Protein backbone atom coordinates (compact mmCIF):
# COMPACT_ATOMS: atom_id res chain seq x y z
CA UNK A 1 -63.57 35.03 -18.77
CA UNK A 2 -63.39 35.57 -15.38
CA UNK A 3 -60.71 32.60 -15.04
CA UNK A 4 -58.43 34.46 -17.37
CA UNK A 5 -59.31 37.76 -15.83
CA UNK A 6 -58.45 36.24 -12.19
CA UNK A 7 -55.20 34.98 -13.80
CA UNK A 8 -54.26 38.28 -15.38
CA UNK A 9 -55.01 39.81 -12.02
CA UNK A 10 -52.97 37.45 -10.00
CA UNK A 11 -50.06 38.18 -12.48
CA UNK A 12 -50.45 41.74 -11.81
CA UNK A 13 -50.33 41.65 -8.36
CA UNK A 14 -47.42 39.14 -8.46
CA UNK A 15 -45.78 42.11 -10.34
CA UNK A 16 -47.06 44.69 -8.59
CA UNK A 17 -45.50 43.28 -5.23
CA UNK A 18 -42.27 42.99 -7.34
CA UNK A 19 -42.65 46.53 -7.80
CA UNK A 20 -43.44 47.39 -3.93
CA UNK A 21 -40.33 45.17 -3.02
CA UNK A 22 -38.00 47.14 -5.45
CA UNK A 23 -39.50 50.17 -4.07
CA UNK A 24 -38.80 48.95 -0.47
CA UNK A 25 -35.41 48.13 -1.45
CA UNK A 26 -34.52 51.38 -3.02
CA UNK A 27 -36.06 53.27 0.19
CA UNK A 28 -33.74 51.18 2.27
CA UNK A 29 -30.84 51.89 0.09
CA UNK A 30 -31.59 55.29 0.05
CA UNK A 31 -31.76 55.39 3.87
CA UNK A 32 -28.36 53.55 4.36
CA UNK A 33 -26.74 55.82 1.94
CA UNK A 34 -27.80 58.62 3.80
CA UNK A 35 -26.87 56.66 7.32
CA UNK A 36 -23.05 56.29 5.73
CA UNK A 37 -22.88 60.09 4.65
CA UNK A 38 -23.75 61.07 8.21
CA UNK A 39 -21.36 58.79 9.71
CA UNK A 40 -18.80 59.55 7.33
CA UNK A 41 -19.52 63.33 7.77
CA UNK A 42 -18.98 62.76 11.98
CA UNK A 43 -16.02 60.87 11.40
CA UNK A 44 -14.04 63.61 9.58
CA UNK A 45 -15.53 66.00 12.10
CA UNK A 46 -13.97 63.99 14.77
CA UNK A 47 -10.74 63.47 12.95
CA UNK A 48 -10.28 67.29 12.55
CA UNK A 49 -10.88 67.35 16.51
CA UNK A 50 -8.06 64.74 17.04
CA UNK A 51 -5.85 66.66 14.83
CA UNK A 52 -6.32 69.96 16.62
CA UNK A 53 -5.93 68.06 20.04
CA UNK A 54 -2.62 66.73 18.63
CA UNK A 55 -1.41 69.83 17.44
CA UNK A 56 -1.98 71.96 20.67
CA UNK A 57 -0.44 68.86 22.49
CA UNK A 58 2.86 68.90 20.43
CA UNK A 59 2.49 72.73 20.69
CA UNK A 60 2.59 72.43 24.51
CA UNK A 61 5.47 70.02 24.46
CA UNK A 62 7.53 71.61 22.28
CA UNK A 63 7.01 75.11 24.50
CA UNK A 64 8.16 73.00 27.49
CA UNK A 65 10.97 71.62 25.29
CA UNK A 66 12.08 75.35 24.19
CA UNK A 67 11.42 76.67 28.02
CA UNK A 68 14.09 74.24 29.52
CA UNK A 69 16.50 74.46 26.83
CA UNK A 70 16.30 78.33 26.98
CA UNK A 71 16.66 77.72 30.98
CA UNK A 72 19.81 75.51 30.43
CA UNK A 73 21.27 77.92 27.96
CA UNK A 74 20.51 80.84 30.39
CA UNK A 75 22.04 79.13 33.30
CA UNK A 76 25.15 78.10 31.65
CA UNK A 77 25.53 81.52 30.20
CA UNK A 78 25.11 83.26 33.62
CA UNK A 79 27.91 80.46 35.13
CA UNK A 80 29.91 81.34 32.18
CA UNK A 81 29.76 85.02 32.52
CA UNK A 82 30.14 84.87 36.53
CA UNK A 83 33.23 82.69 35.79
CA UNK A 84 34.60 85.55 33.34
CA UNK A 85 33.57 88.28 35.88
CA UNK A 86 35.32 86.51 38.69
CA UNK A 87 38.25 85.58 36.47
CA UNK A 88 38.62 89.41 35.55
CA UNK A 89 38.03 90.67 38.62
CA UNK A 90 40.73 88.30 40.15
CA UNK A 91 42.97 89.38 37.38
CA UNK A 92 42.49 92.82 38.51
CA UNK A 93 42.81 92.90 41.81
CA UNK A 94 46.22 90.56 41.49
CA UNK A 95 47.47 93.36 39.28
CA UNK A 96 46.80 95.96 41.93
CA UNK A 97 49.13 94.28 44.28
CA UNK A 98 48.92 92.23 47.67
CA UNK A 99 47.25 95.00 49.58
CA UNK A 100 44.13 94.04 48.03
CA UNK A 101 42.62 91.04 50.01
CA UNK A 102 40.73 87.98 48.06
CA UNK A 103 38.69 85.34 49.11
CA UNK A 104 39.55 83.25 52.14
CA UNK A 105 43.47 84.07 51.80
CA UNK A 106 42.45 87.58 52.59
CA UNK A 107 44.77 88.75 55.83
CA UNK A 108 43.53 91.76 57.70
CA UNK A 109 47.25 92.08 59.15
CA UNK A 110 48.33 92.62 55.47
CA UNK A 111 47.48 96.40 55.67
């Protein structure tokens, strides 16, 4: 009886170690799943941070480009306005006759 009882206990111990091994593998599986979940969460949060940084850089670049464009437009507008005003002043002064001095050709002796 002891021999058969010993065989049964060894068989049970063998099955028991198989159960223990499966339990260890399950625990390892759960641990690794949690590691992967944590890494995914960290990755997503990092991607959101990178997207924010990129959108901020794009906003700043667009703002600079708009400022440059507006500066050029303003300078062009001022130059054209000055040309038009100068042209209008010239036309007005020329219509007033030779008594009005204009630019470098003005001669004090004309008066």
